[in-house]
Structure formats: structure tokens, C-alpha cells
Amino acid sequence: MSLEAWKRTGRKKAVCFDLNRTLLDVDGAFDDACRTELEDAAGRWADDAGALALEALRRYRRELKRRSPPGGSAGRKALREAALAKALEGLPFSRSPALIRRLDDAIRDRQAGHPKLFPGTREALAEIVRTHQVALISNGSRQAILRRVTAADLTEFFPPDRVFTAPPGSRGKPAPEPFVRALAALRVRPGEALMVGDSRTKDAAGALGVGMDACLLRPGSGRAPTAVRQAKGWLLEAASLQQVAELLR
């Protein structure tokens, strides 16, 4: 099966997007926030704060990769703080638990306030919305998602009535409810919509489960787009939103 075969199935009327790691470069935003906060902290004691912060960030990433991530938000926070303690080794200031907690909180606050789009995201969205309806389907707190959309200056593409999350007490992706609600709001049939996301188990499986086509985004992979027929719909892969926009032309 090929992209040409997928295109022959008919033009899409709507495109739904995941947010984190699809439109937003969460890891890049975290690295920027971490490097800035570490540089600010190191700058009080050292002249070469930039180099020290960069090396500390590398140690932090290595430590995160080495440790197995425990479950739950408390476990993730403990993991981050342990990695920060390792990252601060060799820097000219105390590594007290209180300082590490404050530094972790400052990094998270900066990351939340300065989201980072993948290169070309805004331009690709601007092209897609000229010919397609769009919506956002994301797991997590609705208020947190809306704040992130606003901070990233994406409200022009995704106003609140086009942002779909799981209501309290219900399951998010890959459960069908958020997909079904988005399709109903857009007034399109499942086969007329494409879901774009980074998760095979949440975005792709959930969309295919309700009869939508799905596109797995692999930013930076450099791969050419592919399309494979599934039991219900098509599964595409693309390396960028620019490729997705081209496929929808």
C-alpha cells in the first residue's frame, strides 16, 4: 500500500492534533528552562556559568536515562530531583534538598511559561486551516491544556471550543470519547478526519479505533512519509508537520 492509494480514499475535511511532542517540543522547552535556571544559579559563583550549565544539563539527561522512571507524579518529581542532585555535582554551591526542590519548581514553572513549538509548526498549521477544520485532542487537565495553548500563542488555531480533553472521571486517549466528541463538534464522519500525534498506543490506536485515519509524527527523523492500510483506516508516518500539510494538499 502507498501514499497514492491513501490519497485515492478521498480528501479529508478535518485534522485533529495532539499537543505535547506533536506541536510542542516539550523536551526542547525543558532543556531551555533547565539550562537557563542552572546558568542563573551557577552565575552567582562562577564566571563560566554557561559552560557549567550546559555540562550540568548533560549530566541531568544521562541520569534521567539511567534511572527507570517510577509511576505517578510524586515518583516523577523524586526522579527529577535525584537527577538534579547528580547534575549539580561539581558546581560551586550547596546541593541541599531545599535548593534542589526550589530549582526543580523553577525549571517546571519556566517550561510551562515558555512552551516551544517544533520548527515550522505555525506555518504548517496556517496552511492546513485554509482548507481543513482543525481541533486539538489531548490528555490531561483541560485548564492546563488551555493555558499551554495560550502560552504557545496557538489560540487562533485552537479556540477553547476546538480543544477536547477527557472530562473528570472519564478516560482520555485511546478511549473513544474525546475522538467522538471532536468529530461531532466538527460535524464530520470518522473517515473524513485525520488524527496527528506522536503516540502509537494513544493517538493512533484511539483514532483508528473509531474509524479515523492516523498519522504518527516523528519530528526530526528525516524519513519520507509512509501509509499502511489497517483493519479500520490508514496509519501514516511523517517526519514533520510540513510533510503532513503537503500530504493534505
C-alpha atoms as a PDB file:
ATOM      1  CA  MET A   1       0.000   0.000   0.000  1.00  0.00           C
ATOM      2  CA  SER A   2       1.211   3.530  -0.757  1.00  0.00           C
ATOM      3  CA  LEU A   3       0.534   7.187  -0.148  1.00  0.00           C
ATOM      4  CA  GLU A   4      -1.125   7.383  -3.550  1.00  0.00           C
ATOM      5  CA  ALA A   5      -3.547   4.638  -2.520  1.00  0.00           C
ATOM      6  CA  TRP A   6      -4.336   6.561   0.665  1.00  0.00           C
ATOM      7  CA  LYS A   7      -4.962   9.764  -1.286  1.00  0.00           C
ATOM      8  CA  ARG A   8      -7.410   7.923  -3.535  1.00  0.00           C
ATOM      9  CA  THR A   9      -9.612   7.198  -0.494  1.00  0.00           C
ATOM     10  CA  GLY A  10     -10.797  10.809  -0.567  1.00  0.00           C
ATOM     11  CA  ARG A  11      -9.915  14.262   0.687  1.00  0.00           C
ATOM     12  CA  LYS A  12     -10.003  14.875   4.425  1.00  0.00           C
ATOM     13  CA  LYS A  13     -12.244  17.596   5.813  1.00  0.00           C
ATOM     14  CA  ALA A  14     -10.760  17.815   9.312  1.00  0.00           C
ATOM     15  CA  VAL A  15      -7.441  17.274  11.061  1.00  0.00           C
ATOM     16  CA  CYS A  16      -7.096  16.676  14.793  1.00  0.00           C
ATOM     17  CA  PHE A  17      -3.805  17.140  16.615  1.00  0.00           C
ATOM     18  CA  ASP A  18      -2.192  16.014  19.816  1.00  0.00           C
ATOM     19  CA  LEU A  19      -0.340  18.789  21.676  1.00  0.00           C
ATOM     20  CA  ASN A  20       2.778  17.613  23.505  1.00  0.00           C
ATOM     21  CA  ARG A  21       5.557  16.217  21.307  1.00  0.00           C
ATOM     22  CA  THR A  22       3.383  16.837  18.248  1.00  0.00           C
ATOM     23  CA  LEU A  23       3.019  20.614  18.153  1.00  0.00           C
ATOM     24  CA  LEU A  24       5.071  21.428  21.250  1.00  0.00           C
ATOM     25  CA  ASP A  25       8.702  20.416  21.651  1.00  0.00           C
ATOM     26  CA  VAL A  26       8.349  19.515  25.328  1.00  0.00           C
ATOM     27  CA  ASP A  27      11.883  18.164  25.667  1.00  0.00           C
ATOM     28  CA  GLY A  28      13.385  21.208  23.955  1.00  0.00           C
ATOM     29  CA  ALA A  29      11.402  23.571  26.188  1.00  0.00           C
ATOM     30  CA  PHE A  30      12.555  21.660  29.260  1.00  0.00           C
ATOM     31  CA  ASP A  31      16.197  21.787  28.166  1.00  0.00           C
ATOM     32  CA  ASP A  32      15.926  25.547  27.587  1.00  0.00           C
ATOM     33  CA  ALA A  33      14.326  26.074  31.001  1.00  0.00           C
ATOM     34  CA  CYS A  34      16.795  23.795  32.765  1.00  0.00           C
ATOM     35  CA  ARG A  35      19.825  25.418  31.134  1.00  0.00           C
ATOM     36  CA  THR A  36      18.559  28.926  31.955  1.00  0.00           C
ATOM     37  CA  GLU A  37      17.863  28.152  35.622  1.00  0.00           C
ATOM     38  CA  LEU A  38      21.163  26.293  36.065  1.00  0.00           C
ATOM     39  CA  GLU A  39      23.028  29.155  34.410  1.00  0.00           C
ATOM     40  CA  ASP A  40      21.323  31.687  36.684  1.00  0.00           C
ATOM     41  CA  ALA A  41      22.248  29.612  39.738  1.00  0.00           C
ATOM     42  CA  ALA A  42      25.835  28.971  38.660  1.00  0.00           C
ATOM     43  CA  GLY A  43      26.331  32.601  37.630  1.00  0.00           C
ATOM     44  CA  ARG A  44      26.295  33.687  41.248  1.00  0.00           C
ATOM     45  CA  TRP A  45      29.501  31.751  41.882  1.00  0.00           C
ATOM     46  CA  ALA A  46      31.271  31.267  38.541  1.00  0.00           C
ATOM     47  CA  ASP A  47      32.262  33.314  35.503  1.00  0.00           C
ATOM     48  CA  ASP A  48      31.800  30.418  33.044  1.00  0.00           C
ATOM     49  CA  ALA A  49      28.171  29.838  34.055  1.00  0.00           C
ATOM     50  CA  GLY A  50      27.037  28.969  30.517  1.00  0.00           C
ATOM     51  CA  ALA A  51      29.509  26.123  30.103  1.00  0.00           C
ATOM     52  CA  LEU A  52      28.807  24.826  33.613  1.00  0.00           C
ATOM     53  CA  ALA A  53      25.049  24.877  32.983  1.00  0.00           C
ATOM     54  CA  LEU A  54      25.410  23.000  29.688  1.00  0.00           C
ATOM     55  CA  GLU A  55      27.517  20.271  31.289  1.00  0.00           C
ATOM     56  CA  ALA A  56      25.074  20.048  34.209  1.00  0.00           C
ATOM     57  CA  LEU A  57      22.207  19.612  31.741  1.00  0.00           C
ATOM     58  CA  ARG A  58      24.092  16.754  30.066  1.00  0.00           C
ATOM     59  CA  ARG A  59      24.608  15.054  33.439  1.00  0.00           C
ATOM     60  CA  TYR A  60      20.928  15.556  34.220  1.00  0.00           C
ATOM     61  CA  ARG A  61      19.847  13.913  30.957  1.00  0.00           C
ATOM     62  CA  ARG A  62      22.230  10.981  31.465  1.00  0.00           C
ATOM     63  CA  GLU A  63      20.904  10.416  34.976  1.00  0.00           C
ATOM     64  CA  LEU A  64      17.264  10.537  33.826  1.00  0.00           C
ATOM     65  CA  LYS A  65      18.049   7.969  31.134  1.00  0.00           C
ATOM     66  CA  ARG A  66      19.919   5.717  33.561  1.00  0.00           C
ATOM     67  CA  ARG A  67      17.116   5.540  36.089  1.00  0.00           C
ATOM     68  CA  SER A  68      13.884   3.701  35.445  1.00  0.00           C
ATOM     69  CA  PRO A  69      11.008   6.208  35.706  1.00  0.00           C
ATOM     70  CA  PRO A  70       8.715   5.312  38.620  1.00  0.00           C
ATOM     71  CA  GLY A  71       4.970   5.710  38.280  1.00  0.00           C
ATOM     72  CA  GLY A  72       2.905   8.662  39.461  1.00  0.00           C
ATOM     73  CA  SER A  73       3.640  12.377  39.628  1.00  0.00           C
ATOM     74  CA  ALA A  74       5.320  12.057  43.054  1.00  0.00           C
ATOM     75  CA  GLY A  75       7.648   9.410  41.632  1.00  0.00           C
ATOM     76  CA  ARG A  76       8.478  11.579  38.629  1.00  0.00           C
ATOM     77  CA  LYS A  77       9.274  14.534  40.882  1.00  0.00           C
ATOM     78  CA  ALA A  78      11.572  12.369  43.009  1.00  0.00           C
ATOM     79  CA  LEU A  79      13.299  11.183  39.846  1.00  0.00           C
ATOM     80  CA  ARG A  80      13.810  14.747  38.597  1.00  0.00           C
ATOM     81  CA  GLU A  81      15.191  15.867  41.947  1.00  0.00           C
ATOM     82  CA  ALA A  82      17.597  12.906  42.109  1.00  0.00           C
ATOM     83  CA  ALA A  83      18.793  13.702  38.579  1.00  0.00           C
ATOM     84  CA  LEU A  84      19.220  17.373  39.523  1.00  0.00           C
ATOM     85  CA  ALA A  85      21.322  16.409  42.528  1.00  0.00           C
ATOM     86  CA  LYS A  86      23.575  14.448  40.186  1.00  0.00           C
ATOM     87  CA  ALA A  87      23.667  17.316  37.686  1.00  0.00           C
ATOM     88  CA  LEU A  88      24.809  19.771  40.372  1.00  0.00           C
ATOM     89  CA  GLU A  89      27.855  17.718  41.314  1.00  0.00           C
ATOM     90  CA  GLY A  90      30.935  19.851  40.813  1.00  0.00           C
ATOM     91  CA  LEU A  91      29.061  23.154  40.737  1.00  0.00           C
ATOM     92  CA  PRO A  92      30.188  25.715  43.309  1.00  0.00           C
ATOM     93  CA  PHE A  93      27.142  25.760  45.556  1.00  0.00           C
ATOM     94  CA  SER A  94      25.226  23.639  48.028  1.00  0.00           C
ATOM     95  CA  ARG A  95      23.132  20.687  46.834  1.00  0.00           C
ATOM     96  CA  SER A  96      20.712  20.797  49.745  1.00  0.00           C
ATOM     97  CA  PRO A  97      17.302  19.128  49.299  1.00  0.00           C
ATOM     98  CA  ALA A  98      15.593  22.505  49.732  1.00  0.00           C
ATOM     99  CA  LEU A  99      17.652  24.110  46.961  1.00  0.00           C
ATOM    100  CA  ILE A 100      17.048  21.175  44.627  1.00  0.00           C
ATOM    101  CA  ARG A 101      13.280  21.372  45.238  1.00  0.00           C
ATOM    102  CA  ARG A 102      13.267  25.115  44.529  1.00  0.00           C
ATOM    103  CA  LEU A 103      15.331  24.604  41.394  1.00  0.00           C
ATOM    104  CA  ASP A 104      13.044  21.831  40.127  1.00  0.00           C
ATOM    105  CA  ASP A 105       9.973  24.021  40.730  1.00  0.00           C
ATOM    106  CA  ALA A 106      11.631  26.964  38.945  1.00  0.00           C
ATOM    107  CA  ILE A 107      12.502  24.803  35.931  1.00  0.00           C
ATOM    108  CA  ARG A 108       8.956  23.459  35.661  1.00  0.00           C
ATOM    109  CA  ASP A 109       7.446  26.946  36.000  1.00  0.00           C
ATOM    110  CA  ARG A 110       9.746  28.328  33.305  1.00  0.00           C
ATOM    111  CA  GLN A 111       8.991  25.395  31.000  1.00  0.00           C
ATOM    112  CA  ALA A 112       5.231  25.910  31.431  1.00  0.00           C
ATOM    113  CA  GLY A 113       5.516  29.635  30.780  1.00  0.00           C
ATOM    114  CA  HIS A 114       7.767  29.301  27.720  1.00  0.00           C
ATOM    115  CA  PRO A 115       6.466  26.440  25.545  1.00  0.00           C
ATOM    116  CA  LYS A 116       8.449  25.728  22.396  1.00  0.00           C
ATOM    117  CA  LEU A 117       6.953  24.866  19.021  1.00  0.00           C
ATOM    118  CA  PHE A 118       8.672  22.455  16.692  1.00  0.00           C
ATOM    119  CA  PRO A 119      10.209  24.340  13.733  1.00  0.00           C
ATOM    120  CA  GLY A 120       7.646  25.087  11.029  1.00  0.00           C
ATOM    121  CA  THR A 121       4.631  24.268  13.218  1.00  0.00           C
ATOM    122  CA  ARG A 122       2.899  27.645  12.903  1.00  0.00           C
ATOM    123  CA  GLU A 123       3.442  27.809   9.147  1.00  0.00           C
ATOM    124  CA  ALA A 124       2.133  24.266   8.628  1.00  0.00           C
ATOM    125  CA  LEU A 125      -0.951  24.943  10.758  1.00  0.00           C
ATOM    126  CA  ALA A 126      -1.628  28.160   8.858  1.00  0.00           C
ATOM    127  CA  GLU A 127      -1.619  26.201   5.602  1.00  0.00           C
ATOM    128  CA  ILE A 128      -3.792  23.375   6.917  1.00  0.00           C
ATOM    129  CA  VAL A 129      -6.509  25.640   8.381  1.00  0.00           C
ATOM    130  CA  ARG A 130      -7.024  27.295   4.997  1.00  0.00           C
ATOM    131  CA  THR A 131      -8.586  24.105   3.656  1.00  0.00           C
ATOM    132  CA  HIS A 132      -9.447  21.967   6.702  1.00  0.00           C
ATOM    133  CA  GLN A 133     -11.158  22.244  10.045  1.00  0.00           C
ATOM    134  CA  VAL A 134      -8.790  21.583  12.946  1.00  0.00           C
ATOM    135  CA  ALA A 135      -9.120  20.530  16.563  1.00  0.00           C
ATOM    136  CA  LEU A 136      -6.911  19.547  19.457  1.00  0.00           C
ATOM    137  CA  ILE A 137      -7.371  16.223  21.290  1.00  0.00           C
ATOM    138  CA  SER A 138      -5.126  15.960  24.331  1.00  0.00           C
ATOM    139  CA  ASN A 139      -4.988  14.041  27.592  1.00  0.00           C
ATOM    140  CA  GLY A 140      -4.582  15.827  30.893  1.00  0.00           C
ATOM    141  CA  SER A 141      -6.338  18.658  32.686  1.00  0.00           C
ATOM    142  CA  ARG A 142      -8.417  20.822  30.371  1.00  0.00           C
ATOM    143  CA  GLN A 143      -7.358  24.009  32.150  1.00  0.00           C
ATOM    144  CA  ALA A 144      -3.686  23.049  31.926  1.00  0.00           C
ATOM    145  CA  ILE A 145      -4.041  22.315  28.200  1.00  0.00           C
ATOM    146  CA  LEU A 146      -5.818  25.623  27.572  1.00  0.00           C
ATOM    147  CA  ARG A 147      -3.079  27.503  29.454  1.00  0.00           C
ATOM    148  CA  ARG A 148      -0.448  25.757  27.353  1.00  0.00           C
ATOM    149  CA  VAL A 149      -2.286  26.604  24.121  1.00  0.00           C
ATOM    150  CA  THR A 150      -2.463  30.265  25.192  1.00  0.00           C
ATOM    151  CA  ALA A 151       1.190  30.383  26.266  1.00  0.00           C
ATOM    152  CA  ALA A 152       2.217  28.899  22.908  1.00  0.00           C
ATOM    153  CA  ASP A 153       0.075  31.500  21.070  1.00  0.00           C
ATOM    154  CA  LEU A 154      -1.962  28.781  19.349  1.00  0.00           C
ATOM    155  CA  THR A 155      -5.431  30.059  20.291  1.00  0.00           C
ATOM    156  CA  GLU A 156      -6.008  31.372  16.764  1.00  0.00           C
ATOM    157  CA  PHE A 157      -5.914  27.764  15.573  1.00  0.00           C
ATOM    158  CA  PHE A 158      -7.428  26.079  18.632  1.00  0.00           C
ATOM    159  CA  PRO A 159     -10.021  28.218  20.462  1.00  0.00           C
ATOM    160  CA  PRO A 160     -11.497  26.580  23.576  1.00  0.00           C
ATOM    161  CA  ASP A 161     -14.429  25.059  21.661  1.00  0.00           C
ATOM    162  CA  ARG A 162     -11.949  23.171  19.489  1.00  0.00           C
ATOM    163  CA  VAL A 163      -9.951  21.720  22.385  1.00  0.00           C
ATOM    164  CA  PHE A 164     -11.080  18.281  23.529  1.00  0.00           C
ATOM    165  CA  THR A 165      -9.926  16.561  26.702  1.00  0.00           C
ATOM    166  CA  ALA A 166     -11.393  13.807  28.848  1.00  0.00           C
ATOM    167  CA  PRO A 167     -13.917  15.129  31.400  1.00  0.00           C
ATOM    168  CA  PRO A 168     -13.092  14.410  35.066  1.00  0.00           C
ATOM    169  CA  GLY A 169     -13.727  10.774  35.874  1.00  0.00           C
ATOM    170  CA  SER A 170     -13.534   9.566  32.277  1.00  0.00           C
ATOM    171  CA  ARG A 171     -10.692   8.062  30.306  1.00  0.00           C
ATOM    172  CA  GLY A 172      -8.581  10.011  27.853  1.00  0.00           C
ATOM    173  CA  LYS A 173      -6.957   8.692  24.689  1.00  0.00           C
ATOM    174  CA  PRO A 174      -7.048   5.954  23.476  1.00  0.00           C
ATOM    175  CA  ALA A 175     -10.623   5.778  24.798  1.00  0.00           C
ATOM    176  CA  PRO A 176     -13.087   6.741  22.047  1.00  0.00           C
ATOM    177  CA  GLU A 177     -14.899   9.558  23.901  1.00  0.00           C
ATOM    178  CA  PRO A 178     -12.585  12.521  23.106  1.00  0.00           C
ATOM    179  CA  PHE A 179     -12.358  11.465  19.453  1.00  0.00           C
ATOM    180  CA  VAL A 180     -16.133  11.068  19.153  1.00  0.00           C
ATOM    181  CA  ARG A 181     -16.740  14.458  20.772  1.00  0.00           C
ATOM    182  CA  ALA A 182     -14.291  16.145  18.406  1.00  0.00           C
ATOM    183  CA  LEU A 183     -15.874  14.527  15.346  1.00  0.00           C
ATOM    184  CA  ALA A 184     -19.341  15.596  16.475  1.00  0.00           C
ATOM    185  CA  ALA A 185     -18.221  19.195  17.028  1.00  0.00           C
ATOM    186  CA  LEU A 186     -16.532  19.300  13.629  1.00  0.00           C
ATOM    187  CA  ARG A 187     -19.556  17.621  12.025  1.00  0.00           C
ATOM    188  CA  VAL A 188     -17.503  15.141  10.038  1.00  0.00           C
ATOM    189  CA  ARG A 189     -17.570  11.377   9.720  1.00  0.00           C
ATOM    190  CA  PRO A 190     -14.600   9.396  11.081  1.00  0.00           C
ATOM    191  CA  GLY A 191     -13.325   8.599   7.597  1.00  0.00           C
ATOM    192  CA  GLU A 192     -13.244  12.313   6.784  1.00  0.00           C
ATOM    193  CA  ALA A 193     -10.789  13.113   9.580  1.00  0.00           C
ATOM    194  CA  LEU A 194      -7.092  12.545  10.247  1.00  0.00           C
ATOM    195  CA  MET A 195      -5.528  12.369  13.722  1.00  0.00           C
ATOM    196  CA  VAL A 196      -1.915  13.565  14.019  1.00  0.00           C
ATOM    197  CA  GLY A 197       0.060  12.609  17.119  1.00  0.00           C
ATOM    198  CA  ASP A 198       3.250  11.073  18.438  1.00  0.00           C
ATOM    199  CA  SER A 199       1.838   8.073  20.342  1.00  0.00           C
ATOM    200  CA  ARG A 200       1.038   4.792  18.630  1.00  0.00           C
ATOM    201  CA  THR A 201      -0.887   3.490  21.648  1.00  0.00           C
ATOM    202  CA  LYS A 202      -2.888   6.654  22.424  1.00  0.00           C
ATOM    203  CA  ASP A 203      -3.214   8.820  19.320  1.00  0.00           C
ATOM    204  CA  ALA A 204      -3.059   6.235  16.535  1.00  0.00           C
ATOM    205  CA  ALA A 205      -4.848   3.370  18.312  1.00  0.00           C
ATOM    206  CA  GLY A 206      -7.603   5.651  19.590  1.00  0.00           C
ATOM    207  CA  ALA A 207      -8.211   7.296  16.220  1.00  0.00           C
ATOM    208  CA  LEU A 208      -8.150   4.032  14.268  1.00  0.00           C
ATOM    209  CA  GLY A 209     -10.491   2.530  16.843  1.00  0.00           C
ATOM    210  CA  VAL A 210     -13.245   4.995  15.927  1.00  0.00           C
ATOM    211  CA  GLY A 211     -12.583   4.765  12.180  1.00  0.00           C
ATOM    212  CA  MET A 212     -10.363   7.805  11.659  1.00  0.00           C
ATOM    213  CA  ASP A 213      -7.071   7.679   9.807  1.00  0.00           C
ATOM    214  CA  ALA A 214      -3.992   8.419  11.920  1.00  0.00           C
ATOM    215  CA  CYS A 215      -0.588   9.933  11.271  1.00  0.00           C
ATOM    216  CA  LEU A 216       2.308   9.267  13.638  1.00  0.00           C
ATOM    217  CA  LEU A 217       4.622  12.259  13.782  1.00  0.00           C
ATOM    218  CA  ARG A 218       8.341  11.545  14.185  1.00  0.00           C
ATOM    219  CA  PRO A 219       9.926  15.031  14.388  1.00  0.00           C
ATOM    220  CA  GLY A 220      13.494  15.156  13.202  1.00  0.00           C
ATOM    221  CA  SER A 221      13.584  11.590  11.881  1.00  0.00           C
ATOM    222  CA  GLY A 222      14.144  12.792   8.327  1.00  0.00           C
ATOM    223  CA  ARG A 223      12.070   9.928   6.939  1.00  0.00           C
ATOM    224  CA  ALA A 224       9.841  10.141   3.905  1.00  0.00           C
ATOM    225  CA  PRO A 225       6.093   9.814   4.624  1.00  0.00           C
ATOM    226  CA  THR A 226       4.540   6.337   4.520  1.00  0.00           C
ATOM    227  CA  ALA A 227       0.981   4.953   4.571  1.00  0.00           C
ATOM    228  CA  VAL A 228      -0.155   1.446   5.532  1.00  0.00           C
ATOM    229  CA  ARG A 229      -3.737   0.147   5.402  1.00  0.00           C
ATOM    230  CA  GLN A 230      -5.090  -1.028   8.753  1.00  0.00           C
ATOM    231  CA  ALA A 231      -8.181  -3.033   9.691  1.00  0.00           C
ATOM    232  CA  LYS A 232     -10.013   0.264  10.300  1.00  0.00           C
ATOM    233  CA  GLY A 233      -8.478   3.172   8.412  1.00  0.00           C
ATOM    234  CA  TRP A 234      -4.924   4.061   7.429  1.00  0.00           C
ATOM    235  CA  LEU A 235      -1.776   4.586   9.502  1.00  0.00           C
ATOM    236  CA  LEU A 236       0.603   7.215   8.133  1.00  0.00           C
ATOM    237  CA  GLU A 237       4.003   8.318   9.395  1.00  0.00           C
ATOM    238  CA  ALA A 238       5.615  11.700   8.785  1.00  0.00           C
ATOM    239  CA  ALA A 239       8.750  13.455   9.986  1.00  0.00           C
ATOM    240  CA  SER A 240       7.235  16.930  10.308  1.00  0.00           C
ATOM    241  CA  LEU A 241       4.033  18.928  10.181  1.00  0.00           C
ATOM    242  CA  GLN A 242       5.243  20.367   6.894  1.00  0.00           C
ATOM    243  CA  GLN A 243       5.062  16.843   5.445  1.00  0.00           C
ATOM    244  CA  VAL A 244       1.534  16.465   6.850  1.00  0.00           C
ATOM    245  CA  ALA A 245       0.496  19.743   5.203  1.00  0.00           C
ATOM    246  CA  GLU A 246       1.905  18.530   1.903  1.00  0.00           C
ATOM    247  CA  LEU A 247       0.015  15.235   2.154  1.00  0.00           C
ATOM    248  CA  LEU A 248      -3.247  17.123   2.698  1.00  0.00           C
ATOM    249  CA  ARG A 249      -2.910  19.349  -0.372  1.00  0.00           C
END
